[in-house]
């Protein structure tokens, strides 16, 4: 991920790099190297969602509503969406997964 993120093509603005493979159980396995963090992260919502939409386009499924299960380092997610078959158009896109409190803190602005 680091090599792609810092390649000449992306060096100026940076990019997140997602490694995607089909899961034997169906759906996708996604690993993300995230700019700003400059390391692998547990998940990236934008990358997971884009991976699911690209997967649909690659499979050329003739259905208009779909759920793609996603396995990320941070846990199980799923992307639900509607597609217009034969077109590159999507609506009603939802990234679903568990939420948990991971940090609490206070700050003094003075």
Protein backbone atom coordinates (compact mmCIF):
# COMPACT_ATOMS: atom_id res chain seq x y z
CA UNK A 1 0.00 0.00 0.00
CA UNK A 2 2.77 2.42 0.89
CA UNK A 3 4.45 1.92 -2.50
CA UNK A 4 1.24 2.79 -4.40
CA UNK A 5 0.30 5.67 -2.07
CA UNK A 6 3.69 7.34 -2.64
CA UNK A 7 4.00 6.49 -6.34
CA UNK A 8 4.53 9.40 -8.73
CA UNK A 9 0.90 9.21 -9.85
CA UNK A 10 -0.51 9.82 -6.34
CA UNK A 11 2.34 11.52 -4.46
CA UNK A 12 0.94 15.09 -4.52
CA UNK A 13 -2.55 14.42 -3.11
CA UNK A 14 -2.09 10.91 -1.77
CA UNK A 15 -4.63 8.12 -2.02
CA UNK A 16 -6.06 5.31 0.02
CA UNK A 17 -5.11 1.90 -1.35
CA UNK A 18 -7.56 -0.98 -1.06
CA UNK A 19 -6.60 -4.60 -1.65
CA UNK A 20 -9.70 -6.57 -2.57
CA UNK A 21 -10.30 -10.26 -3.11
CA UNK A 22 -13.38 -12.42 -3.42
CA UNK A 23 -14.24 -14.31 -0.28
CA UNK A 24 -14.74 -18.08 -0.63
CA UNK A 25 -17.98 -17.62 1.39
CA UNK A 26 -19.25 -14.91 -0.98
CA UNK A 27 -18.64 -11.20 -0.88
CA UNK A 28 -15.28 -9.50 -0.49
CA UNK A 29 -12.25 -9.30 1.76
CA UNK A 30 -10.85 -5.74 1.84
CA UNK A 31 -7.61 -4.45 3.38
CA UNK A 32 -6.85 -0.72 3.36
CA UNK A 33 -3.67 1.34 3.50
CA UNK A 34 -4.89 4.81 4.42
CA UNK A 35 -3.26 8.14 3.63
CA UNK A 36 -2.95 10.41 6.63
CA UNK A 37 -2.59 7.38 8.85
CA UNK A 38 0.20 6.13 6.54
CA UNK A 39 -0.42 2.54 7.54
CA UNK A 40 -3.00 -0.21 7.29
CA UNK A 41 -6.28 0.62 9.04
CA UNK A 42 -9.11 -1.58 10.27
CA UNK A 43 -11.46 -0.41 7.50
CA UNK A 44 -12.27 2.51 5.23
CA UNK A 45 -15.94 3.20 4.57
CA UNK A 46 -15.34 4.86 1.21
CA UNK A 47 -13.00 2.10 0.05
CA UNK A 48 -15.30 -0.70 1.20
CA UNK A 49 -18.29 0.90 -0.53
CA UNK A 50 -16.37 1.53 -3.76
CA UNK A 51 -15.13 -2.07 -3.69
CA UNK A 52 -18.69 -3.40 -3.40
CA UNK A 53 -19.94 -1.26 -6.29
CA UNK A 54 -16.98 -2.26 -8.49
CA UNK A 55 -17.65 -5.91 -7.60
CA UNK A 56 -21.24 -5.55 -8.81
CA UNK A 57 -20.07 -4.00 -12.08
CA UNK A 58 -17.46 -6.70 -12.61
CA UNK A 59 -19.96 -9.52 -11.96
CA UNK A 60 -22.58 -7.92 -14.27
CA UNK A 61 -25.39 -9.12 -12.03
CA UNK A 62 -28.85 -8.61 -13.56
CA UNK A 63 -30.45 -7.60 -10.26
CA UNK A 64 -31.23 -4.08 -9.13
CA UNK A 65 -30.88 -4.50 -5.34
CA UNK A 66 -27.97 -6.18 -3.71
CA UNK A 67 -26.11 -6.71 -0.45
CA UNK A 68 -22.37 -7.41 -0.60
CA UNK A 69 -20.83 -8.83 2.60
CA UNK A 70 -17.40 -7.38 3.37
CA UNK A 71 -14.72 -8.81 5.66
CA UNK A 72 -12.39 -6.05 6.87
CA UNK A 73 -9.64 -6.15 9.51
CA UNK A 74 -12.07 -4.34 11.82
CA UNK A 75 -14.90 -6.84 11.38
CA UNK A 76 -17.84 -7.80 9.24
CA UNK A 77 -19.56 -5.10 7.19
CA UNK A 78 -22.04 -5.10 4.35
CA UNK A 79 -22.90 -2.68 1.58
CA UNK A 80 -26.53 -2.50 0.43
CA UNK A 81 -27.46 -0.62 -2.74
CA UNK A 82 -29.71 -0.37 -5.76
CA UNK A 83 -28.25 -0.38 -9.26
CA UNK A 84 -29.58 0.38 -12.68
CA UNK A 85 -28.59 -2.75 -14.66
CA UNK A 86 -26.67 -1.84 -17.79
CA UNK A 87 -25.72 1.58 -16.42
CA UNK A 88 -23.15 2.85 -13.98
CA UNK A 89 -25.68 4.40 -11.62
CA UNK A 90 -26.40 3.53 -7.99
CA UNK A 91 -28.79 4.78 -5.32
CA UNK A 92 -29.85 3.93 -1.77
CA UNK A 93 -26.28 3.04 -0.80
CA UNK A 94 -25.86 1.93 2.81
CA UNK A 95 -22.70 0.83 4.59
CA UNK A 96 -23.79 -1.35 7.50
CA UNK A 97 -21.86 -2.78 10.42
CA UNK A 98 -21.48 -2.68 14.17
CA UNK A 99 -20.68 0.52 15.99
CA UNK A 100 -18.74 0.68 19.21
CA UNK A 101 -17.36 3.43 21.41
CA UNK A 102 -13.57 3.50 21.05
CA UNK A 103 -12.49 6.76 22.67
CA UNK A 104 -13.58 9.36 25.17
CA UNK A 105 -11.77 12.53 26.12
CA UNK A 106 -11.99 16.17 27.08
CA UNK A 107 -10.23 19.25 25.85
CA UNK A 108 -9.66 22.74 27.11
CA UNK A 109 -9.80 25.25 24.21
CA UNK A 110 -7.96 27.96 26.23
